[in-house]
């Protein structure tokens, strides 16, 4: 247990504080990354169903997402930890490669003509997004001092929210604002959805490119030692081995957060897989994918996802302020409980417009999930393995998604009698449980406010001396 007067370690204290615009530039790429994720999360189940997938098959098809994350993120973290170029830096080469591949995948996805093609493109798309995303998490730990990390992750969450607002709503915007065709022939993807994916591909690449060109990375503190360690641990096989062995050597805080992450992401995956089916069947009372009513419901799900992502962008700015006056544990617990209640409330909605109210709780939870656990984790990790452990931590995002992909289909079909609305209720209960489990996390690096008043984005960037309060 750290004492209440412990000081911040030298490797984080000696890093220079960054300005508002420096944090802005290093986080801007997440705008594009979330464009891709938003289009994927709000539309893949719709594409699968359009290509002929049955309700209980959709969860299995979504297994591509957790499996690619399980394989790609820890390996990219491991390799990027051992990468350094005076010109390109450590993380930026992976930003570029992932962005290029993901942009191409987004253009190809809406042109699939069979279920197996859609499933295969999900594997390619999710892998590509993960190549870009994992190093963004590690970048915060690389360049920000401890007292600015909550702000850094909150800034990423802000851009995630902004990107998802437009990305999730694009099919609805094209159909309702520009009159683009939205009722396709059987087995065809609507033109409004195609245009949305095309725009998403362009935005993804340009936003990540902005971060690549406008962000500076620091070289390893001891370049000779870095090169020696890189030679000693070189090889992809060694990377696989060390990444999976890392599960058994996690710091205490990371082990505790892993349980919280499991139930949080199980809930999120149930929402991403089954919200379209739950809303169209429970509220719009149709399962006909060629009907105008079904596609209206599918588009409204995109608006709902835009709503919770947009709200998360605002909430992300407030989280450092709330955490500074309470604790990161309490803040995360409160947000997850509100998110669980939001998912459960969908069952009681009759007028589809009120789904936006349900999304308020989900948006608050999403803002915290994307920032607070990483802020708690970063302070418990050794600086020279930040990318590696961030990749290992991703196991506890993708493992619950894999479990959800395996069990939610049979549950929905046999236990819930093919009524996916009950799958969302299960997800809500899982998120509430995750919130309660947060209270047992050892967050010894939680930096509390002493005298200065934080402002929105700079809520965790204090000019006064800091003390660490374990608040166990």
Protein backbone atom coordinates (compact mmCIF):
# COMPACT_ATOMS: atom_id res chain seq x y z
CA UNK A 1 0.00 0.00 0.00
CA UNK A 2 1.37 3.41 -0.88
CA UNK A 3 1.45 5.98 1.87
CA UNK A 4 -0.69 9.12 1.58
CA UNK A 5 2.43 11.25 1.19
CA UNK A 6 4.09 9.20 -1.54
CA UNK A 7 5.45 11.27 -4.40
CA UNK A 8 5.01 10.76 -8.13
CA UNK A 9 7.79 8.61 -9.61
CA UNK A 10 10.64 10.34 -11.42
CA UNK A 11 9.77 8.91 -14.83
CA UNK A 12 6.38 10.63 -14.76
CA UNK A 13 7.27 13.73 -12.71
CA UNK A 14 10.14 14.76 -15.02
CA UNK A 15 8.03 14.73 -18.17
CA UNK A 16 7.12 18.26 -19.27
CA UNK A 17 3.50 19.32 -18.94
CA UNK A 18 1.78 19.73 -22.28
CA UNK A 19 -0.39 22.64 -23.36
CA UNK A 20 -4.06 22.40 -24.26
CA UNK A 21 -3.31 22.33 -27.99
CA UNK A 22 -0.59 19.71 -27.64
CA UNK A 23 -3.03 17.39 -25.87
CA UNK A 24 -5.63 18.30 -28.50
CA UNK A 25 -3.32 17.34 -31.38
CA UNK A 26 -2.16 14.06 -29.86
CA UNK A 27 -5.80 13.03 -29.26
CA UNK A 28 -7.33 14.23 -32.53
CA UNK A 29 -6.72 10.93 -34.33
CA UNK A 30 -9.32 9.29 -32.12
CA UNK A 31 -11.93 11.33 -34.00
CA UNK A 32 -11.23 9.20 -37.07
CA UNK A 33 -10.80 5.94 -35.17
CA UNK A 34 -14.21 6.36 -33.59
CA UNK A 35 -15.74 7.18 -36.97
CA UNK A 36 -14.73 3.69 -37.97
CA UNK A 37 -15.88 2.05 -34.75
CA UNK A 38 -19.18 3.96 -34.77
CA UNK A 39 -20.04 2.81 -38.28
CA UNK A 40 -19.05 -0.75 -37.37
CA UNK A 41 -20.86 -0.92 -34.03
CA UNK A 42 -24.12 0.64 -35.16
CA UNK A 43 -24.42 -1.05 -38.56
CA UNK A 44 -22.70 -4.47 -38.66
CA UNK A 45 -25.68 -6.35 -37.17
CA UNK A 46 -27.89 -4.60 -39.73
CA UNK A 47 -25.53 -5.62 -42.56
CA UNK A 48 -25.38 -9.21 -41.28
CA UNK A 49 -29.18 -9.41 -41.08
CA UNK A 50 -29.50 -7.89 -44.56
CA UNK A 51 -27.13 -10.58 -45.86
CA UNK A 52 -29.40 -13.28 -44.39
CA UNK A 53 -28.06 -13.92 -40.87
CA UNK A 54 -30.53 -15.18 -38.25
CA UNK A 55 -30.89 -13.51 -34.85
CA UNK A 56 -28.99 -16.20 -32.93
CA UNK A 57 -26.19 -16.25 -35.56
CA UNK A 58 -25.33 -12.57 -35.31
CA UNK A 59 -23.48 -12.91 -32.00
CA UNK A 60 -21.23 -15.60 -33.48
CA UNK A 61 -20.42 -13.40 -36.46
CA UNK A 62 -19.37 -10.63 -34.07
CA UNK A 63 -16.68 -12.89 -32.60
CA UNK A 64 -14.33 -11.41 -35.19
CA UNK A 65 -14.10 -8.23 -33.12
CA UNK A 66 -12.85 -9.71 -29.82
CA UNK A 67 -10.59 -12.28 -31.47
CA UNK A 68 -8.80 -9.69 -33.61
CA UNK A 69 -8.44 -7.46 -30.56
CA UNK A 70 -7.05 -10.36 -28.53
CA UNK A 71 -4.41 -11.08 -31.15
CA UNK A 72 -3.62 -7.65 -32.57
CA UNK A 73 -3.52 -5.21 -29.64
CA UNK A 74 -0.99 -6.91 -27.33
CA UNK A 75 1.29 -7.69 -30.26
CA UNK A 76 1.14 -4.13 -31.58
CA UNK A 77 1.79 -2.87 -28.05
CA UNK A 78 4.76 -5.21 -27.69
CA UNK A 79 6.27 -4.25 -31.06
CA UNK A 80 5.66 -0.52 -30.66
CA UNK A 81 7.39 -0.58 -27.25
CA UNK A 82 10.47 -1.81 -29.16
CA UNK A 83 10.19 0.66 -32.03
CA UNK A 84 12.02 3.96 -32.29
CA UNK A 85 12.81 6.15 -35.28
CA UNK A 86 14.17 9.72 -34.93
CA UNK A 87 11.83 10.74 -37.74
CA UNK A 88 8.67 8.64 -37.13
CA UNK A 89 8.85 8.04 -33.39
CA UNK A 90 7.51 4.98 -31.59
CA UNK A 91 3.73 4.86 -31.99
CA UNK A 92 3.14 6.95 -35.12
CA UNK A 93 4.17 4.28 -37.70
CA UNK A 94 1.39 2.07 -36.36
CA UNK A 95 -1.09 4.96 -36.48
CA UNK A 96 -0.39 5.33 -40.21
CA UNK A 97 -0.48 1.63 -41.17
CA UNK A 98 -3.70 0.99 -39.25
CA UNK A 99 -5.41 4.10 -40.62
CA UNK A 100 -4.59 3.23 -44.22
CA UNK A 101 -5.89 -0.34 -43.92
CA UNK A 102 -9.00 0.69 -41.98
CA UNK A 103 -9.92 3.37 -44.51
CA UNK A 104 -9.72 0.88 -47.38
CA UNK A 105 -11.82 -1.60 -45.39
CA UNK A 106 -14.52 0.99 -44.72
CA UNK A 107 -14.86 1.63 -48.45
CA UNK A 108 -15.09 -2.09 -49.27
CA UNK A 109 -17.48 -3.12 -46.45
CA UNK A 110 -20.79 -1.70 -47.82
CA UNK A 111 -20.15 -3.34 -51.18
CA UNK A 112 -20.23 -6.92 -49.92
CA UNK A 113 -22.77 -9.20 -51.57
CA UNK A 114 -22.82 -12.24 -49.29
CA UNK A 115 -22.79 -13.03 -45.58
CA UNK A 116 -19.34 -14.65 -45.69
CA UNK A 117 -17.94 -11.52 -47.31
CA UNK A 118 -19.40 -9.29 -44.61
CA UNK A 119 -17.99 -11.56 -41.89
CA UNK A 120 -14.56 -11.59 -43.54
CA UNK A 121 -14.46 -7.81 -43.94
CA UNK A 122 -15.31 -7.38 -40.26
CA UNK A 123 -12.14 -9.33 -39.45
CA UNK A 124 -10.08 -7.05 -41.68
CA UNK A 125 -11.73 -3.83 -40.50
CA UNK A 126 -11.49 -4.58 -36.80
CA UNK A 127 -7.86 -5.70 -37.09
CA UNK A 128 -6.97 -2.49 -38.90
CA UNK A 129 -8.70 -0.26 -36.36
CA UNK A 130 -6.92 -2.07 -33.52
CA UNK A 131 -3.53 -1.45 -35.15
CA UNK A 132 -4.17 2.30 -34.91
CA UNK A 133 -6.02 2.37 -31.59
CA UNK A 134 -3.71 0.50 -29.19
CA UNK A 135 -0.71 2.84 -29.64
CA UNK A 136 -2.96 5.85 -28.98
CA UNK A 137 -3.58 4.54 -25.45
CA UNK A 138 0.14 4.00 -24.87
CA UNK A 139 0.97 7.47 -26.22
CA UNK A 140 -0.71 9.11 -23.22
CA UNK A 141 1.49 7.16 -20.83
CA UNK A 142 4.55 7.92 -22.99
CA UNK A 143 4.37 11.71 -23.11
CA UNK A 144 2.18 12.95 -20.25
CA UNK A 145 3.19 13.31 -16.60
CA UNK A 146 1.03 11.47 -14.05
CA UNK A 147 -1.05 14.50 -13.08
CA UNK A 148 -2.13 15.08 -16.71
CA UNK A 149 -3.01 11.49 -17.62
CA UNK A 150 -6.65 11.69 -16.59
CA UNK A 151 -6.87 14.79 -18.78
CA UNK A 152 -5.15 12.99 -21.66
CA UNK A 153 -7.54 10.06 -21.61
CA UNK A 154 -10.48 12.42 -21.15
CA UNK A 155 -9.37 14.32 -24.28
CA UNK A 156 -9.32 11.05 -26.21
CA UNK A 157 -12.81 10.32 -24.92
CA UNK A 158 -13.95 13.77 -26.08
CA UNK A 159 -12.84 13.03 -29.65
CA UNK A 160 -14.28 9.54 -29.48
CA UNK A 161 -17.62 11.12 -28.62
CA UNK A 162 -17.43 13.76 -31.33
CA UNK A 163 -16.44 11.21 -33.97
CA UNK A 164 -19.22 8.87 -32.99
CA UNK A 165 -21.88 11.60 -33.07
CA UNK A 166 -21.45 12.05 -36.79
CA UNK A 167 -20.32 8.51 -37.61
CA UNK A 168 -23.33 6.84 -36.02
CA UNK A 169 -25.78 9.35 -37.48
CA UNK A 170 -24.43 9.46 -41.04
CA UNK A 171 -26.89 6.92 -42.55
CA UNK A 172 -29.80 8.81 -40.96
CA UNK A 173 -28.36 12.16 -42.12
CA UNK A 174 -27.98 11.00 -45.72
CA UNK A 175 -31.51 9.53 -45.75
CA UNK A 176 -33.36 12.38 -43.98
CA UNK A 177 -31.38 15.49 -44.87
CA UNK A 178 -30.27 14.66 -48.39
CA UNK A 179 -32.98 12.23 -49.48
CA UNK A 180 -30.57 9.40 -50.31
CA UNK A 181 -32.22 6.02 -50.96
CA UNK A 182 -32.77 4.07 -47.72
CA UNK A 183 -35.01 1.11 -48.66
CA UNK A 184 -32.86 -1.39 -50.57
CA UNK A 185 -33.76 -4.48 -52.52
CA UNK A 186 -33.50 -7.82 -50.66
CA UNK A 187 -29.87 -8.70 -50.00
CA UNK A 188 -28.68 -5.19 -50.91
CA UNK A 189 -27.19 -2.47 -48.68
CA UNK A 190 -28.87 0.91 -48.89
CA UNK A 191 -27.17 3.77 -50.68
CA UNK A 192 -27.34 5.95 -47.55
CA UNK A 193 -25.33 3.35 -45.63
CA UNK A 194 -22.77 3.08 -48.45
CA UNK A 195 -22.20 6.84 -48.50
CA UNK A 196 -21.75 6.83 -44.72
CA UNK A 197 -18.98 4.23 -44.92
CA UNK A 198 -17.23 6.11 -47.75
CA UNK A 199 -17.14 9.33 -45.72
CA UNK A 200 -15.99 7.37 -42.68
CA UNK A 201 -13.01 5.99 -44.56
CA UNK A 202 -11.87 9.47 -45.58
CA UNK A 203 -12.32 10.99 -42.12
CA UNK A 204 -10.51 8.08 -40.46
CA UNK A 205 -7.36 8.57 -42.52
CA UNK A 206 -7.23 12.38 -42.36
CA UNK A 207 -7.81 12.59 -38.59
CA UNK A 208 -5.09 10.07 -37.76
CA UNK A 209 -2.73 11.79 -40.21
CA UNK A 210 -3.24 15.05 -38.29
CA UNK A 211 -1.97 13.43 -35.07
CA UNK A 212 0.97 11.86 -36.92
CA UNK A 213 2.08 15.21 -38.31
CA UNK A 214 1.38 17.34 -35.22
CA UNK A 215 2.64 15.20 -32.33
CA UNK A 216 6.16 14.86 -30.97
CA UNK A 217 7.35 11.69 -29.27
CA UNK A 218 10.26 11.41 -26.85
CA UNK A 219 13.20 9.06 -27.50
CA UNK A 220 13.99 6.31 -24.97
CA UNK A 221 15.82 7.70 -21.93
CA UNK A 222 18.80 5.41 -22.54
CA UNK A 223 19.00 4.58 -26.24
CA UNK A 224 21.82 2.02 -25.80
CA UNK A 225 19.84 0.07 -23.21
CA UNK A 226 16.73 0.32 -25.38
CA UNK A 227 18.54 -1.17 -28.39
CA UNK A 228 20.03 -3.96 -26.27
CA UNK A 229 16.62 -4.85 -24.83
CA UNK A 230 15.06 -4.76 -28.30
CA UNK A 231 17.65 -7.23 -29.62
CA UNK A 232 17.22 -9.48 -26.62
CA UNK A 233 13.45 -9.71 -26.99
CA UNK A 234 13.21 -9.53 -30.78
CA UNK A 235 10.86 -11.80 -32.69
CA UNK A 236 7.12 -12.07 -33.20
CA UNK A 237 6.97 -15.47 -31.48
CA UNK A 238 8.57 -13.97 -28.41
CA UNK A 239 6.04 -11.16 -28.61
CA UNK A 240 3.13 -13.62 -28.56
CA UNK A 241 4.70 -15.53 -25.68
CA UNK A 242 5.40 -12.49 -23.52
CA UNK A 243 2.03 -10.92 -24.26
CA UNK A 244 0.03 -13.90 -23.08
CA UNK A 245 2.36 -14.57 -20.15
CA UNK A 246 1.69 -11.01 -19.07
CA UNK A 247 -1.75 -12.08 -17.83
CA UNK A 248 -0.03 -13.97 -15.00
CA UNK A 249 2.27 -11.10 -14.01
CA UNK A 250 -0.15 -8.19 -13.84
CA UNK A 251 0.16 -5.54 -11.13
CA UNK A 252 -2.50 -5.72 -8.41
CA UNK A 253 -4.43 -2.71 -9.69
CA UNK A 254 -4.51 -4.20 -13.18
CA UNK A 255 -5.92 -7.51 -11.88
CA UNK A 256 -8.70 -5.71 -10.03
CA UNK A 257 -9.53 -3.52 -13.02
CA UNK A 258 -9.61 -6.61 -15.23
CA UNK A 259 -12.72 -7.88 -13.41
CA UNK A 260 -14.41 -4.48 -13.75
CA UNK A 261 -13.56 -4.40 -17.45
CA UNK A 262 -14.98 -7.89 -18.00
CA UNK A 263 -18.48 -7.02 -16.85
CA UNK A 264 -18.38 -3.52 -18.40
CA UNK A 265 -17.50 -4.78 -21.87
CA UNK A 266 -19.83 -7.77 -21.68
CA UNK A 267 -22.60 -5.20 -21.26
CA UNK A 268 -21.34 -3.02 -24.11
CA UNK A 269 -21.06 -5.95 -26.48
CA UNK A 270 -24.61 -7.08 -25.74
CA UNK A 271 -25.73 -3.55 -26.62
CA UNK A 272 -23.74 -3.34 -29.86
CA UNK A 273 -24.90 -6.74 -31.06
CA UNK A 274 -28.58 -6.61 -30.18
CA UNK A 275 -29.79 -3.01 -29.95
CA UNK A 276 -30.91 -2.94 -33.60
CA UNK A 277 -32.84 -6.20 -33.23
CA UNK A 278 -34.27 -5.18 -29.85
CA UNK A 279 -35.44 -1.78 -31.06
CA UNK A 280 -36.90 -2.94 -34.39
CA UNK A 281 -38.76 -5.88 -32.83
CA UNK A 282 -39.74 -4.51 -29.40
CA UNK A 283 -40.53 -0.90 -30.34
CA UNK A 284 -41.05 -0.82 -34.14
CA UNK A 285 -42.61 -4.33 -34.14
CA UNK A 286 -40.97 -5.61 -37.33
CA UNK A 287 -38.23 -8.02 -38.38
CA UNK A 288 -38.56 -7.47 -42.15
CA UNK A 289 -35.18 -6.04 -43.23
CA UNK A 290 -36.62 -4.76 -46.53
CA UNK A 291 -39.43 -2.75 -44.90
CA UNK A 292 -39.29 1.03 -44.49
CA UNK A 293 -40.19 0.61 -40.80
CA UNK A 294 -37.23 -1.70 -40.10
CA UNK A 295 -34.78 0.64 -41.81
CA UNK A 296 -36.27 3.59 -39.96
CA UNK A 297 -35.64 1.73 -36.72
CA UNK A 298 -32.11 0.81 -37.82
CA UNK A 299 -31.34 4.43 -38.64
CA UNK A 300 -32.75 5.54 -35.28
CA UNK A 301 -30.40 3.13 -33.51
CA UNK A 302 -27.60 5.04 -35.22
CA UNK A 303 -29.04 8.29 -33.85
CA UNK A 304 -29.20 6.73 -30.37
CA UNK A 305 -25.59 5.61 -30.60
CA UNK A 306 -24.72 9.11 -31.75
CA UNK A 307 -26.54 10.47 -28.71
CA UNK A 308 -24.65 8.43 -26.14
CA UNK A 309 -21.33 9.10 -27.84
CA UNK A 310 -22.04 12.81 -28.09
CA UNK A 311 -22.97 13.01 -24.44
CA UNK A 312 -19.80 11.11 -23.53
CA UNK A 313 -17.76 13.85 -25.21
CA UNK A 314 -19.22 16.41 -22.81
CA UNK A 315 -19.08 14.15 -19.75
CA UNK A 316 -15.42 13.36 -20.49
CA UNK A 317 -14.56 17.00 -19.84
CA UNK A 318 -16.22 16.83 -16.41
CA UNK A 319 -14.74 13.54 -15.22
CA UNK A 320 -11.38 15.00 -14.07
CA UNK A 321 -13.31 17.59 -12.02
CA UNK A 322 -15.54 14.95 -10.39
CA UNK A 323 -12.63 12.57 -9.77
CA UNK A 324 -10.57 15.38 -8.26
CA UNK A 325 -13.26 16.01 -5.64
CA UNK A 326 -14.22 12.43 -4.90
CA UNK A 327 -12.01 9.65 -6.32
CA UNK A 328 -11.58 7.90 -9.62
CA UNK A 329 -13.09 4.74 -8.10
CA UNK A 330 -16.28 6.47 -6.97
CA UNK A 331 -16.58 8.36 -10.25
CA UNK A 332 -16.31 5.18 -12.30
CA UNK A 333 -18.75 3.30 -10.07
CA UNK A 334 -21.38 6.02 -10.37
CA UNK A 335 -21.04 6.24 -14.16
CA UNK A 336 -21.36 2.46 -14.64
CA UNK A 337 -24.46 2.20 -12.47
CA UNK A 338 -26.13 4.97 -14.48
CA UNK A 339 -25.18 3.19 -17.70
CA UNK A 340 -26.70 -0.09 -16.51
CA UNK A 341 -29.95 1.63 -15.58
CA UNK A 342 -30.01 3.26 -19.03
CA UNK A 343 -29.79 -0.10 -20.80
CA UNK A 344 -32.49 -1.66 -18.62
CA UNK A 345 -34.82 1.31 -19.22
CA UNK A 346 -35.04 0.47 -22.96
CA UNK A 347 -37.50 -2.30 -22.05
CA UNK A 348 -40.01 0.30 -20.82
CA UNK A 349 -39.82 2.59 -23.87
CA UNK A 350 -42.87 2.69 -26.15
CA UNK A 351 -42.24 5.87 -28.16
CA UNK A 352 -38.90 5.43 -29.93
CA UNK A 353 -37.98 9.09 -29.35
CA UNK A 354 -37.58 8.34 -25.64
CA UNK A 355 -34.73 5.97 -26.42
CA UNK A 356 -32.59 9.09 -26.35
CA UNK A 357 -33.31 9.37 -22.62
CA UNK A 358 -32.05 5.82 -22.10
CA UNK A 359 -28.88 6.77 -23.93
CA UNK A 360 -28.06 9.45 -21.35
CA UNK A 361 -27.01 6.83 -18.81
CA UNK A 362 -25.15 4.84 -21.45
CA UNK A 363 -23.26 7.94 -22.56
CA UNK A 364 -22.14 8.73 -19.02
CA UNK A 365 -20.88 5.17 -18.58
CA UNK A 366 -19.13 5.19 -21.96
CA UNK A 367 -17.24 8.40 -21.10
CA UNK A 368 -15.88 6.81 -17.95
CA UNK A 369 -15.11 3.41 -19.50
CA UNK A 370 -12.92 5.05 -22.12
CA UNK A 371 -10.87 7.13 -19.71
CA UNK A 372 -10.98 6.39 -15.98
CA UNK A 373 -9.76 2.73 -16.01
CA UNK A 374 -6.80 3.72 -18.18
CA UNK A 375 -5.95 6.64 -15.90
CA UNK A 376 -6.00 4.28 -12.90
CA UNK A 377 -3.96 1.70 -14.78
CA UNK A 378 -1.25 4.01 -16.14
CA UNK A 379 -0.03 4.89 -12.65
CA UNK A 380 0.46 1.21 -11.80
CA UNK A 381 2.61 0.32 -14.84
CA UNK A 382 6.36 0.52 -15.45
CA UNK A 383 7.16 3.22 -17.99
CA UNK A 384 9.22 0.95 -20.24
CA UNK A 385 6.32 -1.49 -20.67
CA UNK A 386 3.44 0.94 -21.04
CA UNK A 387 2.41 -0.23 -24.53
CA UNK A 388 2.89 -3.88 -23.64
CA UNK A 389 0.67 -3.77 -20.56
CA UNK A 390 -1.92 -1.60 -22.30
CA UNK A 391 -2.10 -4.38 -24.90
CA UNK A 392 -2.39 -7.08 -22.23
CA UNK A 393 -5.11 -5.01 -20.54
CA UNK A 394 -7.04 -5.22 -23.78
CA UNK A 395 -7.50 -8.94 -23.10
CA UNK A 396 -10.11 -7.92 -20.55
CA UNK A 397 -11.99 -6.00 -23.19
CA UNK A 398 -11.93 -8.74 -25.82
CA UNK A 399 -12.38 -11.78 -23.55
CA UNK A 400 -15.83 -10.61 -22.35
CA UNK A 401 -16.71 -9.79 -25.94
CA UNK A 402 -15.75 -13.33 -26.90
CA UNK A 403 -17.83 -14.75 -24.07
CA UNK A 404 -20.74 -12.56 -25.16
CA UNK A 405 -20.35 -13.74 -28.75
CA UNK A 406 -20.50 -17.37 -27.65
CA UNK A 407 -23.32 -17.26 -25.10
CA UNK A 408 -25.65 -14.42 -26.11
CA UNK A 409 -26.92 -16.18 -29.24
CA UNK A 410 -28.09 -19.34 -27.41
CA UNK A 411 -29.39 -17.25 -24.49
CA UNK A 412 -31.40 -15.01 -26.78
CA UNK A 413 -32.83 -17.94 -28.72
CA UNK A 414 -33.52 -20.52 -26.01
CA UNK A 415 -33.80 -18.58 -22.73
CA UNK A 416 -35.21 -15.26 -23.95
CA UNK A 417 -37.39 -16.85 -26.66
CA UNK A 418 -35.73 -14.82 -29.46
CA UNK A 419 -36.56 -11.51 -27.77
CA UNK A 420 -33.28 -9.54 -27.76
CA UNK A 421 -34.73 -6.86 -25.49
CA UNK A 422 -34.02 -9.21 -22.58
CA UNK A 423 -30.41 -9.49 -23.73
CA UNK A 424 -30.10 -5.74 -23.22
CA UNK A 425 -31.52 -6.09 -19.70
CA UNK A 426 -28.84 -8.70 -18.96
CA UNK A 427 -26.24 -6.25 -20.24
CA UNK A 428 -27.56 -3.54 -17.95
CA UNK A 429 -27.28 -5.82 -14.91
CA UNK A 430 -23.71 -6.69 -15.89
CA UNK A 431 -22.75 -3.01 -16.08
CA UNK A 432 -24.19 -2.29 -12.62
CA UNK A 433 -22.17 -5.20 -11.21
CA UNK A 434 -19.03 -3.76 -12.82
CA UNK A 435 -19.69 -0.45 -11.10
CA UNK A 436 -19.94 -2.05 -7.67
CA UNK A 437 -16.72 -4.02 -8.26
CA UNK A 438 -14.88 -0.76 -8.98
CA UNK A 439 -14.97 0.10 -5.28
CA UNK A 440 -12.46 -2.66 -4.52
CA UNK A 441 -9.78 -1.36 -6.95
CA UNK A 442 -6.50 -0.19 -5.39
CA UNK A 443 -5.91 3.19 -7.06
CA UNK A 444 -2.83 4.37 -5.15
CA UNK A 445 -1.84 6.80 -7.94
CA UNK A 446 -5.12 8.74 -7.74
CA UNK A 447 -4.12 12.39 -7.74
CA UNK A 448 -6.45 14.63 -5.77
CA UNK A 449 -6.91 18.33 -6.01
CA UNK A 450 -5.12 20.32 -3.31
CA UNK A 451 -5.76 24.03 -3.81
CA UNK A 452 -6.11 24.86 -7.50
CA UNK A 453 -9.49 24.87 -9.17
CA UNK A 454 -9.56 22.60 -12.25
CA UNK A 455 -11.17 23.64 -15.48
CA UNK A 456 -12.87 21.37 -18.00
CA UNK A 457 -10.13 19.79 -20.10
CA UNK A 458 -7.40 20.74 -17.63
CA UNK A 459 -9.20 19.27 -14.64
CA UNK A 460 -6.35 16.94 -13.76
CA UNK A 461 -3.53 19.30 -14.67
CA UNK A 462 -2.61 20.90 -11.37
CA UNK A 463 0.01 23.58 -10.80
CA UNK A 464 0.22 22.85 -7.09
CA UNK A 465 2.26 20.05 -5.53
CA UNK A 466 0.43 16.72 -5.58
CA UNK A 467 0.04 13.94 -3.10
CA UNK A 468 -1.13 10.44 -3.76
CA UNK A 469 -4.14 9.27 -1.81
CA UNK A 470 -4.68 5.48 -1.90
CA UNK A 471 -8.26 5.66 -0.56
CA UNK A 472 -8.48 1.88 -0.35
